């Protein structure tokens, strides 16, 4: 994986996409970007994040729905839609950057899978 040059760069992959890790559906695109957050000690943290646009898992989120709609009408992303594509990808990545972990769900899954061996 190639890392973005700075925190404002996003690397987009559109070919040779893997299946979504959550549901197995074919992903449409992958975005790699720098993510920053504050840990529980109040320290600033930074790392590389990857997000996939999955037609199943992302359905229902406005930014993803708009991007998926573009792929539905222009599967090859013709030159006429490049500017639109750029804006929609930027909006989707920004929405992904603001997603946070559902602590209750994480705790529930941890308890479910942390049984005795």
PDB file of N, CA and C in Angstrom:
ATOM      1  N   UNK A   1       0.844  -1.168   0.000  1.00  0.00           N
ATOM      2  CA  UNK A   1       0.000   0.000   0.000  1.00  0.00           C
ATOM      3  C   UNK A   1       0.892   1.234   0.000  1.00  0.00           C
ATOM      4  N   UNK A   2       0.589   2.155  -0.866  1.00  0.00           N
ATOM      5  CA  UNK A   2       1.306   3.420  -0.929  1.00  0.00           C
ATOM      6  C   UNK A   2       0.655   4.398   0.037  1.00  0.00           C
ATOM      7  N   UNK A   3       1.471   5.079   0.809  1.00  0.00           N
ATOM      8  CA  UNK A   3       0.948   6.030   1.792  1.00  0.00           C
ATOM      9  C   UNK A   3       0.757   7.397   1.145  1.00  0.00           C
ATOM     10  N   UNK A   4      -0.297   8.115   1.531  1.00  0.00           N
ATOM     11  CA  UNK A   4      -0.481   9.484   1.052  1.00  0.00           C
ATOM     12  C   UNK A   4       0.695  10.359   1.484  1.00  0.00           C
ATOM     13  N   UNK A   5       1.028  11.349   0.654  1.00  0.00           N
ATOM     14  CA  UNK A   5       2.167  12.226   0.940  1.00  0.00           C
ATOM     15  C   UNK A   5       1.927  13.095   2.167  1.00  0.00           C
ATOM     16  N   UNK A   6       0.718  13.575   2.359  1.00  0.00           N
ATOM     17  CA  UNK A   6       0.404  14.369   3.546  1.00  0.00           C
ATOM     18  C   UNK A   6      -1.035  14.109   3.970  1.00  0.00           C
ATOM     19  N   UNK A   7      -1.456  14.756   5.051  1.00  0.00           N
ATOM     20  CA  UNK A   7      -2.777  14.462   5.632  1.00  0.00           C
ATOM     21  C   UNK A   7      -3.948  14.850   4.746  1.00  0.00           C
ATOM     22  N   UNK A   8      -3.725  15.665   3.721  1.00  0.00           N
ATOM     23  CA  UNK A   8      -4.814  16.059   2.831  1.00  0.00           C
ATOM     24  C   UNK A   8      -4.922  15.179   1.593  1.00  0.00           C
ATOM     25  N   UNK A   9      -3.944  14.318   1.364  1.00  0.00           N
ATOM     26  CA  UNK A   9      -3.950  13.452   0.186  1.00  0.00           C
ATOM     27  C   UNK A   9      -4.783  12.203   0.433  1.00  0.00           C
ATOM     28  N   UNK A  10      -5.426  11.747  -0.623  1.00  0.00           N
ATOM     29  CA  UNK A  10      -6.193  10.506  -0.592  1.00  0.00           C
ATOM     30  C   UNK A  10      -5.786   9.709  -1.825  1.00  0.00           C
ATOM     31  N   UNK A  11      -5.454   8.454  -1.637  1.00  0.00           N
ATOM     32  CA  UNK A  11      -5.116   7.575  -2.754  1.00  0.00           C
ATOM     33  C   UNK A  11      -6.327   6.691  -3.022  1.00  0.00           C
ATOM     34  N   UNK A  12      -6.802   6.710  -4.270  1.00  0.00           N
ATOM     35  CA  UNK A  12      -7.993   5.963  -4.661  1.00  0.00           C
ATOM     36  C   UNK A  12      -7.588   4.788  -5.543  1.00  0.00           C
ATOM     37  N   UNK A  13      -8.133   3.623  -5.245  1.00  0.00           N
ATOM     38  CA  UNK A  13      -7.924   2.432  -6.074  1.00  0.00           C
ATOM     39  C   UNK A  13      -9.269   2.016  -6.643  1.00  0.00           C
ATOM     40  N   UNK A  14      -9.316   1.823  -7.961  1.00  0.00           N
ATOM     41  CA  UNK A  14     -10.558   1.437  -8.628  1.00  0.00           C
ATOM     42  C   UNK A  14     -10.486   0.068  -9.306  1.00  0.00           C
ATOM     43  N   UNK A  15      -9.286  -0.479  -9.450  1.00  0.00           N
ATOM     44  CA  UNK A  15      -9.163  -1.763 -10.137  1.00  0.00           C
ATOM     45  C   UNK A  15      -8.645  -2.838  -9.186  1.00  0.00           C
ATOM     46  N   UNK A  16      -8.843  -4.086  -9.589  1.00  0.00           N
ATOM     47  CA  UNK A  16      -8.409  -5.234  -8.784  1.00  0.00           C
ATOM     48  C   UNK A  16      -8.912  -5.151  -7.344  1.00  0.00           C
ATOM     49  N   UNK A  17     -10.186  -4.853  -7.200  1.00  0.00           N
ATOM     50  CA  UNK A  17     -10.769  -4.687  -5.871  1.00  0.00           C
ATOM     51  C   UNK A  17     -11.048  -6.041  -5.220  1.00  0.00           C
ATOM     52  N   UNK A  18     -10.779  -6.110  -3.935  1.00  0.00           N
ATOM     53  CA  UNK A  18     -11.083  -7.295  -3.146  1.00  0.00           C
ATOM     54  C   UNK A  18     -12.540  -7.254  -2.711  1.00  0.00           C
ATOM     55  N   UNK A  19     -13.004  -8.375  -2.228  1.00  0.00           N
ATOM     56  CA  UNK A  19     -14.345  -8.427  -1.652  1.00  0.00           C
ATOM     57  C   UNK A  19     -14.347  -7.683  -0.317  1.00  0.00           C
ATOM     58  N   UNK A  20     -15.485  -7.150   0.044  1.00  0.00           N
ATOM     59  CA  UNK A  20     -15.656  -6.468   1.328  1.00  0.00           C
ATOM     60  C   UNK A  20     -15.385  -7.472   2.448  1.00  0.00           C
ATOM     61  N   UNK A  21     -14.610  -7.067   3.433  1.00  0.00           N
ATOM     62  CA  UNK A  21     -14.285  -7.966   4.552  1.00  0.00           C
ATOM     63  C   UNK A  21     -15.489  -8.234   5.445  1.00  0.00           C
ATOM     64  N   UNK A  22     -16.463  -7.335   5.432  1.00  0.00           N
ATOM     65  CA  UNK A  22     -17.623  -7.497   6.308  1.00  0.00           C
ATOM     66  C   UNK A  22     -18.678  -8.425   5.722  1.00  0.00           C
ATOM     67  N   UNK A  23     -18.948  -8.295   4.401  1.00  0.00           N
ATOM     68  CA  UNK A  23     -20.067  -9.045   3.838  1.00  0.00           C
ATOM     69  C   UNK A  23     -19.701  -9.937   2.655  1.00  0.00           C
ATOM     70  N   UNK A  24     -18.521  -9.751   2.078  1.00  0.00           N
ATOM     71  CA  UNK A  24     -18.111 -10.564   0.942  1.00  0.00           C
ATOM     72  C   UNK A  24     -18.513 -10.010  -0.412  1.00  0.00           C
ATOM     73  N   UNK A  25     -19.305  -8.948  -0.434  1.00  0.00           N
ATOM     74  CA  UNK A  25     -19.712  -8.295  -1.685  1.00  0.00           C
ATOM     75  C   UNK A  25     -18.490  -7.645  -2.343  1.00  0.00           C
ATOM     76  N   UNK A  26     -18.502  -7.537  -3.666  1.00  0.00           N
ATOM     77  CA  UNK A  26     -17.402  -6.898  -4.385  1.00  0.00           C
ATOM     78  C   UNK A  26     -17.362  -5.403  -4.068  1.00  0.00           C
ATOM     79  N   UNK A  27     -16.225  -4.910  -3.626  1.00  0.00           N
ATOM     80  CA  UNK A  27     -16.052  -3.487  -3.335  1.00  0.00           C
ATOM     81  C   UNK A  27     -15.943  -2.708  -4.634  1.00  0.00           C
ATOM     82  N   UNK A  28     -16.318  -1.433  -4.583  1.00  0.00           N
ATOM     83  CA  UNK A  28     -16.293  -0.572  -5.758  1.00  0.00           C
ATOM     84  C   UNK A  28     -14.994   0.222  -5.829  1.00  0.00           C
ATOM     85  N   UNK A  29     -14.535   0.713  -4.685  1.00  0.00           N
ATOM     86  CA  UNK A  29     -13.274   1.447  -4.640  1.00  0.00           C
ATOM     87  C   UNK A  29     -12.687   1.372  -3.251  1.00  0.00           C
ATOM     88  N   UNK A  30     -11.389   1.688  -3.169  1.00  0.00           N
ATOM     89  CA  UNK A  30     -10.705   1.744  -1.878  1.00  0.00           C
ATOM     90  C   UNK A  30     -10.002   3.084  -1.785  1.00  0.00           C
ATOM     91  N   UNK A  31     -10.109   3.712  -0.630  1.00  0.00           N
ATOM     92  CA  UNK A  31      -9.431   4.983  -0.373  1.00  0.00           C
ATOM     93  C   UNK A  31      -8.438   4.784   0.762  1.00  0.00           C
ATOM     94  N   UNK A  32      -7.223   5.271   0.570  1.00  0.00           N
ATOM     95  CA  UNK A  32      -6.194   5.254   1.617  1.00  0.00           C
ATOM     96  C   UNK A  32      -5.908   6.695   1.992  1.00  0.00           C
ATOM     97  N   UNK A  33      -5.929   6.983   3.291  1.00  0.00           N
ATOM     98  CA  UNK A  33      -5.735   8.356   3.744  1.00  0.00           C
ATOM     99  C   UNK A  33      -5.194   8.361   5.163  1.00  0.00           C
ATOM    100  N   UNK A  34      -4.634   9.501   5.549  1.00  0.00           N
ATOM    101  CA  UNK A  34      -4.126   9.662   6.903  1.00  0.00           C
ATOM    102  C   UNK A  34      -5.296   9.983   7.825  1.00  0.00           C
ATOM    103  N   UNK A  35      -5.315   9.348   8.967  1.00  0.00           N
ATOM    104  CA  UNK A  35      -6.374   9.561   9.961  1.00  0.00           C
ATOM    105  C   UNK A  35      -5.727  10.010  11.266  1.00  0.00           C
ATOM    106  N   UNK A  36      -6.284  11.002  11.897  1.00  0.00           N
ATOM    107  CA  UNK A  36      -5.792  11.445  13.203  1.00  0.00           C
ATOM    108  C   UNK A  36      -6.913  11.330  14.225  1.00  0.00           C
ATOM    109  N   UNK A  37      -6.540  11.057  15.473  1.00  0.00           N
ATOM    110  CA  UNK A  37      -7.508  10.938  16.554  1.00  0.00           C
ATOM    111  C   UNK A  37      -6.794  11.186  17.871  1.00  0.00           C
ATOM    112  N   UNK A  38      -7.583  11.310  18.912  1.00  0.00           N
ATOM    113  CA  UNK A  38      -7.043  11.488  20.253  1.00  0.00           C
ATOM    114  C   UNK A  38      -7.316  10.214  21.037  1.00  0.00           C
ATOM    115  N   UNK A  39      -6.264   9.652  21.647  1.00  0.00           N
ATOM    116  CA  UNK A  39      -6.461   8.419  22.400  1.00  0.00           C
ATOM    117  C   UNK A  39      -7.034   8.733  23.785  1.00  0.00           C
ATOM    118  N   UNK A  40      -7.264   7.699  24.583  1.00  0.00           N
ATOM    119  CA  UNK A  40      -7.892   7.894  25.898  1.00  0.00           C
ATOM    120  C   UNK A  40      -7.033   8.686  26.863  1.00  0.00           C
ATOM    121  N   UNK A  41      -5.734   8.782  26.599  1.00  0.00           N
ATOM    122  CA  UNK A  41      -4.850   9.592  27.440  1.00  0.00           C
ATOM    123  C   UNK A  41      -4.772  11.038  26.961  1.00  0.00           C
ATOM    124  N   UNK A  42      -5.526  11.347  25.900  1.00  0.00           N
ATOM    125  CA  UNK A  42      -5.524  12.707  25.378  1.00  0.00           C
ATOM    126  C   UNK A  42      -4.389  13.004  24.422  1.00  0.00           C
ATOM    127  N   UNK A  43      -3.672  11.975  24.003  1.00  0.00           N
ATOM    128  CA  UNK A  43      -2.548  12.153  23.090  1.00  0.00           C
ATOM    129  C   UNK A  43      -3.026  12.107  21.637  1.00  0.00           C
ATOM    130  N   UNK A  44      -2.455  12.968  20.808  1.00  0.00           N
ATOM    131  CA  UNK A  44      -2.778  12.964  19.384  1.00  0.00           C
ATOM    132  C   UNK A  44      -2.110  11.767  18.722  1.00  0.00           C
ATOM    133  N   UNK A  45      -2.871  11.021  17.960  1.00  0.00           N
ATOM    134  CA  UNK A  45      -2.379   9.841  17.259  1.00  0.00           C
ATOM    135  C   UNK A  45      -2.633  10.032  15.766  1.00  0.00           C
ATOM    136  N   UNK A  46      -1.828   9.370  14.954  1.00  0.00           N
ATOM    137  CA  UNK A  46      -1.976   9.464  13.512  1.00  0.00           C
ATOM    138  C   UNK A  46      -1.638   8.116  12.901  1.00  0.00           C
ATOM    139  N   UNK A  47      -2.337   7.768  11.850  1.00  0.00           N
ATOM    140  CA  UNK A  47      -2.056   6.510  11.184  1.00  0.00           C
ATOM    141  C   UNK A  47      -2.683   6.470   9.810  1.00  0.00           C
ATOM    142  N   UNK A  48      -2.375   5.431   9.071  1.00  0.00           N
ATOM    143  CA  UNK A  48      -2.912   5.249   7.735  1.00  0.00           C
ATOM    144  C   UNK A  48      -4.209   4.457   7.837  1.00  0.00           C
ATOM    145  N   UNK A  49      -5.222   4.914   7.157  1.00  0.00           N
ATOM    146  CA  UNK A  49      -6.532   4.278   7.195  1.00  0.00           C
ATOM    147  C   UNK A  49      -6.931   3.884   5.777  1.00  0.00           C
ATOM    148  N   UNK A  50      -7.583   2.758   5.644  1.00  0.00           N
ATOM    149  CA  UNK A  50      -8.150   2.340   4.367  1.00  0.00           C
ATOM    150  C   UNK A  50      -9.642   2.133   4.554  1.00  0.00           C
ATOM    151  N   UNK A  51     -10.400   2.596   3.593  1.00  0.00           N
ATOM    152  CA  UNK A  51     -11.842   2.409   3.616  1.00  0.00           C
ATOM    153  C   UNK A  51     -12.277   1.898   2.253  1.00  0.00           C
ATOM    154  N   UNK A  52     -13.182   0.933   2.250  1.00  0.00           N
ATOM    155  CA  UNK A  52     -13.715   0.436   0.984  1.00  0.00           C
ATOM    156  C   UNK A  52     -15.159   0.876   0.843  1.00  0.00           C
ATOM    157  N   UNK A  53     -15.533   1.147  -0.385  1.00  0.00           N
ATOM    158  CA  UNK A  53     -16.916   1.488  -0.697  1.00  0.00           C
ATOM    159  C   UNK A  53     -17.601   0.206  -1.139  1.00  0.00           C
ATOM    160  N   UNK A  54     -18.427  -0.325  -0.267  1.00  0.00           N
ATOM    161  CA  UNK A  54     -19.146  -1.571  -0.518  1.00  0.00           C
ATOM    162  C   UNK A  54     -20.615  -1.240  -0.789  1.00  0.00           C
ATOM    163  N   UNK A  55     -21.164  -1.699  -1.909  1.00  0.00           N
ATOM    164  CA  UNK A  55     -22.562  -1.403  -2.221  1.00  0.00           C
ATOM    165  C   UNK A  55     -23.553  -1.908  -1.173  1.00  0.00           C
ATOM    166  N   UNK A  56     -23.212  -2.973  -0.464  1.00  0.00           N
ATOM    167  CA  UNK A  56     -24.107  -3.511   0.569  1.00  0.00           C
ATOM    168  C   UNK A  56     -23.941  -2.792   1.901  1.00  0.00           C
ATOM    169  N   UNK A  57     -22.716  -2.730   2.395  1.00  0.00           N
ATOM    170  CA  UNK A  57     -22.463  -2.199   3.737  1.00  0.00           C
ATOM    171  C   UNK A  57     -22.633  -0.688   3.828  1.00  0.00           C
ATOM    172  N   UNK A  58     -22.356   0.025   2.752  1.00  0.00           N
ATOM    173  CA  UNK A  58     -22.412   1.487   2.784  1.00  0.00           C
ATOM    174  C   UNK A  58     -23.776   2.042   2.391  1.00  0.00           C
ATOM    175  N   UNK A  59     -24.653   1.188   1.890  1.00  0.00           N
ATOM    176  CA  UNK A  59     -25.973   1.648   1.461  1.00  0.00           C
ATOM    177  C   UNK A  59     -26.695   2.322   2.625  1.00  0.00           C
ATOM    178  N   UNK A  60     -27.289   3.474   2.330  1.00  0.00           N
ATOM    179  CA  UNK A  60     -28.034   4.195   3.357  1.00  0.00           C
ATOM    180  C   UNK A  60     -27.291   5.377   3.936  1.00  0.00           C
ATOM    181  N   UNK A  61     -26.009   5.498   3.651  1.00  0.00           N
ATOM    182  CA  UNK A  61     -25.276   6.690   4.083  1.00  0.00           C
ATOM    183  C   UNK A  61     -25.239   7.646   2.897  1.00  0.00           C
ATOM    184  N   UNK A  62     -25.640   8.901   3.094  1.00  0.00           N
ATOM    185  CA  UNK A  62     -25.805   9.834   1.970  1.00  0.00           C
ATOM    186  C   UNK A  62     -24.595   9.960   1.052  1.00  0.00           C
ATOM    187  N   UNK A  63     -23.409  10.144   1.595  1.00  0.00           N
ATOM    188  CA  UNK A  63     -22.228  10.328   0.746  1.00  0.00           C
ATOM    189  C   UNK A  63     -21.944   9.072  -0.076  1.00  0.00           C
ATOM    190  N   UNK A  64     -22.105   7.910   0.530  1.00  0.00           N
ATOM    191  CA  UNK A  64     -21.884   6.654  -0.191  1.00  0.00           C
ATOM    192  C   UNK A  64     -22.961   6.442  -1.247  1.00  0.00           C
ATOM    193  N   UNK A  65     -24.209   6.734  -0.914  1.00  0.00           N
ATOM    194  CA  UNK A  65     -25.303   6.552  -1.869  1.00  0.00           C
ATOM    195  C   UNK A  65     -25.094   7.388  -3.125  1.00  0.00           C
ATOM    196  N   UNK A  66     -24.629   8.624  -2.960  1.00  0.00           N
ATOM    197  CA  UNK A  66     -24.393   9.483  -4.122  1.00  0.00           C
ATOM    198  C   UNK A  66     -23.271   8.922  -4.991  1.00  0.00           C
ATOM    199  N   UNK A  67     -22.221   8.441  -4.372  1.00  0.00           N
ATOM    200  CA  UNK A  67     -21.104   7.871  -5.122  1.00  0.00           C
ATOM    201  C   UNK A  67     -21.520   6.567  -5.805  1.00  0.00           C
ATOM    202  N   UNK A  68     -22.262   5.733  -5.114  1.00  0.00           N
ATOM    203  CA  UNK A  68     -22.751   4.489  -5.712  1.00  0.00           C
ATOM    204  C   UNK A  68     -23.698   4.766  -6.875  1.00  0.00           C
ATOM    205  N   UNK A  69     -24.492   5.830  -6.776  1.00  0.00           N
ATOM    206  CA  UNK A  69     -25.390   6.208  -7.872  1.00  0.00           C
ATOM    207  C   UNK A  69     -24.590   6.592  -9.113  1.00  0.00           C
ATOM    208  N   UNK A  70     -23.473   7.287  -8.920  1.00  0.00           N
ATOM    209  CA  UNK A  70     -22.625   7.640 -10.066  1.00  0.00           C
ATOM    210  C   UNK A  70     -22.102   6.377 -10.744  1.00  0.00           C
ATOM    211  N   UNK A  71     -21.636   5.408  -9.971  1.00  0.00           N
ATOM    212  CA  UNK A  71     -21.152   4.158 -10.557  1.00  0.00           C
ATOM    213  C   UNK A  71     -22.275   3.419 -11.280  1.00  0.00           C
ATOM    214  N   UNK A  72     -23.498   3.553 -10.800  1.00  0.00           N
ATOM    215  CA  UNK A  72     -24.630   2.876 -11.436  1.00  0.00           C
ATOM    216  C   UNK A  72     -24.908   3.438 -12.828  1.00  0.00           C
ATOM    217  N   UNK A  73     -24.696   4.733 -13.022  1.00  0.00           N
ATOM    218  CA  UNK A  73     -24.974   5.341 -14.326  1.00  0.00           C
ATOM    219  C   UNK A  73     -23.737   5.432 -15.216  1.00  0.00           C
ATOM    220  N   UNK A  74     -22.541   5.344 -14.640  1.00  0.00           N
ATOM    221  CA  UNK A  74     -21.308   5.456 -15.425  1.00  0.00           C
ATOM    222  C   UNK A  74     -20.254   4.515 -14.842  1.00  0.00           C
ATOM    223  N   UNK A  75     -20.379   3.228 -15.145  1.00  0.00           N
ATOM    224  CA  UNK A  75     -19.490   2.206 -14.578  1.00  0.00           C
ATOM    225  C   UNK A  75     -18.024   2.432 -14.908  1.00  0.00           C
ATOM    226  N   UNK A  76     -17.736   3.025 -16.064  1.00  0.00           N
ATOM    227  CA  UNK A  76     -16.345   3.220 -16.478  1.00  0.00           C
ATOM    228  C   UNK A  76     -15.809   4.595 -16.113  1.00  0.00           C
ATOM    229  N   UNK A  77     -16.608   5.421 -15.482  1.00  0.00           N
ATOM    230  CA  UNK A  77     -16.214   6.785 -15.111  1.00  0.00           C
ATOM    231  C   UNK A  77     -15.609   7.535 -16.292  1.00  0.00           C
ATOM    232  N   UNK A  78     -16.453   7.840 -17.234  1.00  0.00           N
ATOM    233  CA  UNK A  78     -16.019   8.598 -18.408  1.00  0.00           C
ATOM    234  C   UNK A  78     -15.515   9.980 -18.031  1.00  0.00           C
ATOM    235  N   UNK A  79     -14.788  10.585 -18.938  1.00  0.00           N
ATOM    236  CA  UNK A  79     -14.163  11.883 -18.702  1.00  0.00           C
ATOM    237  C   UNK A  79     -15.188  12.953 -18.310  1.00  0.00           C
ATOM    238  N   UNK A  80     -16.416  12.819 -18.777  1.00  0.00           N
ATOM    239  CA  UNK A  80     -17.458  13.801 -18.460  1.00  0.00           C
ATOM    240  C   UNK A  80     -17.815  13.823 -16.979  1.00  0.00           C
ATOM    241  N   UNK A  81     -17.544  12.732 -16.272  1.00  0.00           N
ATOM    242  CA  UNK A  81     -17.920  12.641 -14.858  1.00  0.00           C
ATOM    243  C   UNK A  81     -16.740  12.702 -13.894  1.00  0.00           C
ATOM    244  N   UNK A  82     -15.552  12.983 -14.389  1.00  0.00           N
ATOM    245  CA  UNK A  82     -14.369  12.995 -13.524  1.00  0.00           C
ATOM    246  C   UNK A  82     -14.487  14.047 -12.425  1.00  0.00           C
ATOM    247  N   UNK A  83     -14.929  15.239 -12.770  1.00  0.00           N
ATOM    248  CA  UNK A  83     -15.050  16.298 -11.760  1.00  0.00           C
ATOM    249  C   UNK A  83     -16.106  15.931 -10.715  1.00  0.00           C
ATOM    250  N   UNK A  84     -17.220  15.399 -11.177  1.00  0.00           N
ATOM    251  CA  UNK A  84     -18.271  14.953 -10.255  1.00  0.00           C
ATOM    252  C   UNK A  84     -17.743  13.844  -9.354  1.00  0.00           C
ATOM    253  N   UNK A  85     -17.035  12.890  -9.950  1.00  0.00           N
ATOM    254  CA  UNK A  85     -16.447  11.789  -9.192  1.00  0.00           C
ATOM    255  C   UNK A  85     -15.526  12.315  -8.096  1.00  0.00           C
ATOM    256  N   UNK A  86     -14.658  13.256  -8.436  1.00  0.00           N
ATOM    257  CA  UNK A  86     -13.729  13.820  -7.449  1.00  0.00           C
ATOM    258  C   UNK A  86     -14.449  14.431  -6.265  1.00  0.00           C
ATOM    259  N   UNK A  87     -15.500  15.185  -6.534  1.00  0.00           N
ATOM    260  CA  UNK A  87     -16.269  15.801  -5.450  1.00  0.00           C
ATOM    261  C   UNK A  87     -16.982  14.778  -4.584  1.00  0.00           C
ATOM    262  N   UNK A  88     -17.549  13.757  -5.229  1.00  0.00           N
ATOM    263  CA  UNK A  88     -18.268  12.725  -4.475  1.00  0.00           C
ATOM    264  C   UNK A  88     -17.319  11.868  -3.643  1.00  0.00           C
ATOM    265  N   UNK A  89     -16.146  11.558  -4.193  1.00  0.00           N
ATOM    266  CA  UNK A  89     -15.158  10.791  -3.427  1.00  0.00           C
ATOM    267  C   UNK A  89     -14.691  11.603  -2.228  1.00  0.00           C
ATOM    268  N   UNK A  90     -14.427  12.892  -2.436  1.00  0.00           N
ATOM    269  CA  UNK A  90     -13.984  13.746  -1.326  1.00  0.00           C
ATOM    270  C   UNK A  90     -15.036  13.782  -0.218  1.00  0.00           C
ATOM    271  N   UNK A  91     -16.306  13.898  -0.589  1.00  0.00           N
ATOM    272  CA  UNK A  91     -17.384  13.925   0.410  1.00  0.00           C
ATOM    273  C   UNK A  91     -17.484  12.588   1.137  1.00  0.00           C
ATOM    274  N   UNK A  92     -17.348  11.479   0.408  1.00  0.00           N
ATOM    275  CA  UNK A  92     -17.425  10.163   1.039  1.00  0.00           C
ATOM    276  C   UNK A  92     -16.259   9.949   2.000  1.00  0.00           C
ATOM    277  N   UNK A  93     -15.036  10.283   1.556  1.00  0.00           N
ATOM    278  CA  UNK A  93     -13.872  10.115   2.432  1.00  0.00           C
ATOM    279  C   UNK A  93     -14.035  10.966   3.686  1.00  0.00           C
ATOM    280  N   UNK A  94     -14.518  12.180   3.537  1.00  0.00           N
ATOM    281  CA  UNK A  94     -14.721  13.041   4.712  1.00  0.00           C
ATOM    282  C   UNK A  94     -15.741  12.416   5.665  1.00  0.00           C
ATOM    283  N   UNK A  95     -16.788  11.802   5.123  1.00  0.00           N
ATOM    284  CA  UNK A  95     -17.774  11.149   5.997  1.00  0.00           C
ATOM    285  C   UNK A  95     -17.155   9.947   6.705  1.00  0.00           C
ATOM    286  N   UNK A  96     -16.292   9.209   6.015  1.00  0.00           N
ATOM    287  CA  UNK A  96     -15.614   8.057   6.619  1.00  0.00           C
ATOM    288  C   UNK A  96     -14.656   8.519   7.715  1.00  0.00           C
ATOM    289  N   UNK A  97     -13.969   9.622   7.483  1.00  0.00           N
ATOM    290  CA  UNK A  97     -13.036  10.153   8.492  1.00  0.00           C
ATOM    291  C   UNK A  97     -13.750  10.446   9.814  1.00  0.00           C
ATOM    292  N   UNK A  98     -15.019  10.811   9.750  1.00  0.00           N
ATOM    293  CA  UNK A  98     -15.753  11.192  10.960  1.00  0.00           C
ATOM    294  C   UNK A  98     -16.490  10.030  11.620  1.00  0.00           C
ATOM    295  N   UNK A  99     -16.433   8.852  11.011  1.00  0.00           N
ATOM    296  CA  UNK A  99     -17.071   7.694  11.632  1.00  0.00           C
ATOM    297  C   UNK A  99     -16.293   7.296  12.875  1.00  0.00           C
ATOM    298  N   UNK A 100     -16.998   6.895  13.891  1.00  0.00           N
ATOM    299  CA  UNK A 100     -16.365   6.464  15.135  1.00  0.00           C
ATOM    300  C   UNK A 100     -16.833   5.056  15.474  1.00  0.00           C
ATOM    301  N   UNK A 101     -16.055   4.407  16.273  1.00  0.00           N
ATOM    302  CA  UNK A 101     -16.368   3.046  16.699  1.00  0.00           C
ATOM    303  C   UNK A 101     -17.594   3.064  17.601  1.00  0.00           C
ATOM    304  N   UNK A 102     -18.491   2.136  17.364  1.00  0.00           N
ATOM    305  CA  UNK A 102     -19.648   1.950  18.227  1.00  0.00           C
ATOM    306  C   UNK A 102     -19.164   1.123  19.421  1.00  0.00           C
ATOM    307  N   UNK A 103     -18.883   1.800  20.538  1.00  0.00           N
ATOM    308  CA  UNK A 103     -18.289   1.141  21.707  1.00  0.00           C
ATOM    309  C   UNK A 103     -19.171   0.018  22.249  1.00  0.00           C
ATOM    310  N   UNK A 104     -20.490   0.219  22.248  1.00  0.00           N
ATOM    311  CA  UNK A 104     -21.394  -0.814  22.757  1.00  0.00           C
ATOM    312  C   UNK A 104     -21.317  -2.068  21.885  1.00  0.00           C
ATOM    313  N   UNK A 105     -21.315  -1.876  20.572  1.00  0.00           N
ATOM    314  CA  UNK A 105     -21.227  -3.020  19.659  1.00  0.00           C
ATOM    315  C   UNK A 105     -19.874  -3.707  19.790  1.00  0.00           C
ATOM    316  N   UNK A 106     -18.807  -2.919  19.923  1.00  0.00           N
ATOM    317  CA  UNK A 106     -17.470  -3.486  20.085  1.00  0.00           C
ATOM    318  C   UNK A 106     -17.396  -4.332  21.353  1.00  0.00           C
ATOM    319  N   UNK A 107     -17.935  -3.831  22.451  1.00  0.00           N
ATOM    320  CA  UNK A 107     -17.943  -4.567  23.716  1.00  0.00           C
ATOM    321  C   UNK A 107     -18.753  -5.852  23.580  1.00  0.00           C
ATOM    322  N   UNK A 108     -19.904  -5.745  22.928  1.00  0.00           N
ATOM    323  CA  UNK A 108     -20.758  -6.915  22.727  1.00  0.00           C
ATOM    324  C   UNK A 108     -20.036  -7.988  21.908  1.00  0.00           C
ATOM    325  N   UNK A 109     -19.382  -7.588  20.825  1.00  0.00           N
ATOM    326  CA  UNK A 109     -18.660  -8.552  20.000  1.00  0.00           C
ATOM    327  C   UNK A 109     -17.457  -9.128  20.740  1.00  0.00           C
ATOM    328  N   UNK A 110     -16.790  -8.300  21.529  1.00  0.00           N
ATOM    329  CA  UNK A 110     -15.656  -8.783  22.315  1.00  0.00           C
ATOM    330  C   UNK A 110     -16.117  -9.867  23.288  1.00  0.00           C
ATOM    331  N   UNK A 111     -17.220  -9.619  23.972  1.00  0.00           N
ATOM    332  CA  UNK A 111     -17.748 -10.596  24.924  1.00  0.00           C
ATOM    333  C   UNK A 111     -18.202 -11.868  24.212  1.00  0.00           C
ATOM    334  N   UNK A 112     -18.774 -11.699  23.025  1.00  0.00           N
ATOM    335  CA  UNK A 112     -19.258 -12.844  22.259  1.00  0.00           C
ATOM    336  C   UNK A 112     -18.110 -13.758  21.831  1.00  0.00           C
ATOM    337  N   UNK A 113     -16.986 -13.173  21.459  1.00  0.00           N
ATOM    338  CA  UNK A 113     -15.883 -13.947  20.907  1.00  0.00           C
ATOM    339  C   UNK A 113     -14.770 -14.248  21.909  1.00  0.00           C
ATOM    340  N   UNK A 114     -14.899 -13.814  23.143  1.00  0.00           N
ATOM    341  CA  UNK A 114     -13.808 -14.025  24.103  1.00  0.00           C
ATOM    342  C   UNK A 114     -14.103 -15.150  25.090  1.00  0.00           C
ATOM    343  N   UNK A 115     -14.752 -16.168  24.614  1.00  0.00           N
ATOM    344  CA  UNK A 115     -15.049 -17.314  25.467  1.00  0.00           C
ATOM    345  C   UNK A 115     -13.808 -18.141  25.749  1.00  0.00           C
ATOM    346  N   UNK A 116     -13.981 -19.168  26.520  1.00  0.00           N
ATOM    347  CA  UNK A 116     -12.867 -20.050  26.864  1.00  0.00           C
ATOM    348  C   UNK A 116     -12.508 -20.928  25.677  1.00  0.00           C
ATOM    349  N   UNK A 117     -11.226 -21.233  25.573  1.00  0.00           N
ATOM    350  CA  UNK A 117     -10.753 -22.127  24.504  1.00  0.00           C
ATOM    351  C   UNK A 117     -10.658 -23.542  25.002  1.00  0.00           C
TER     352      UNK A 117
END
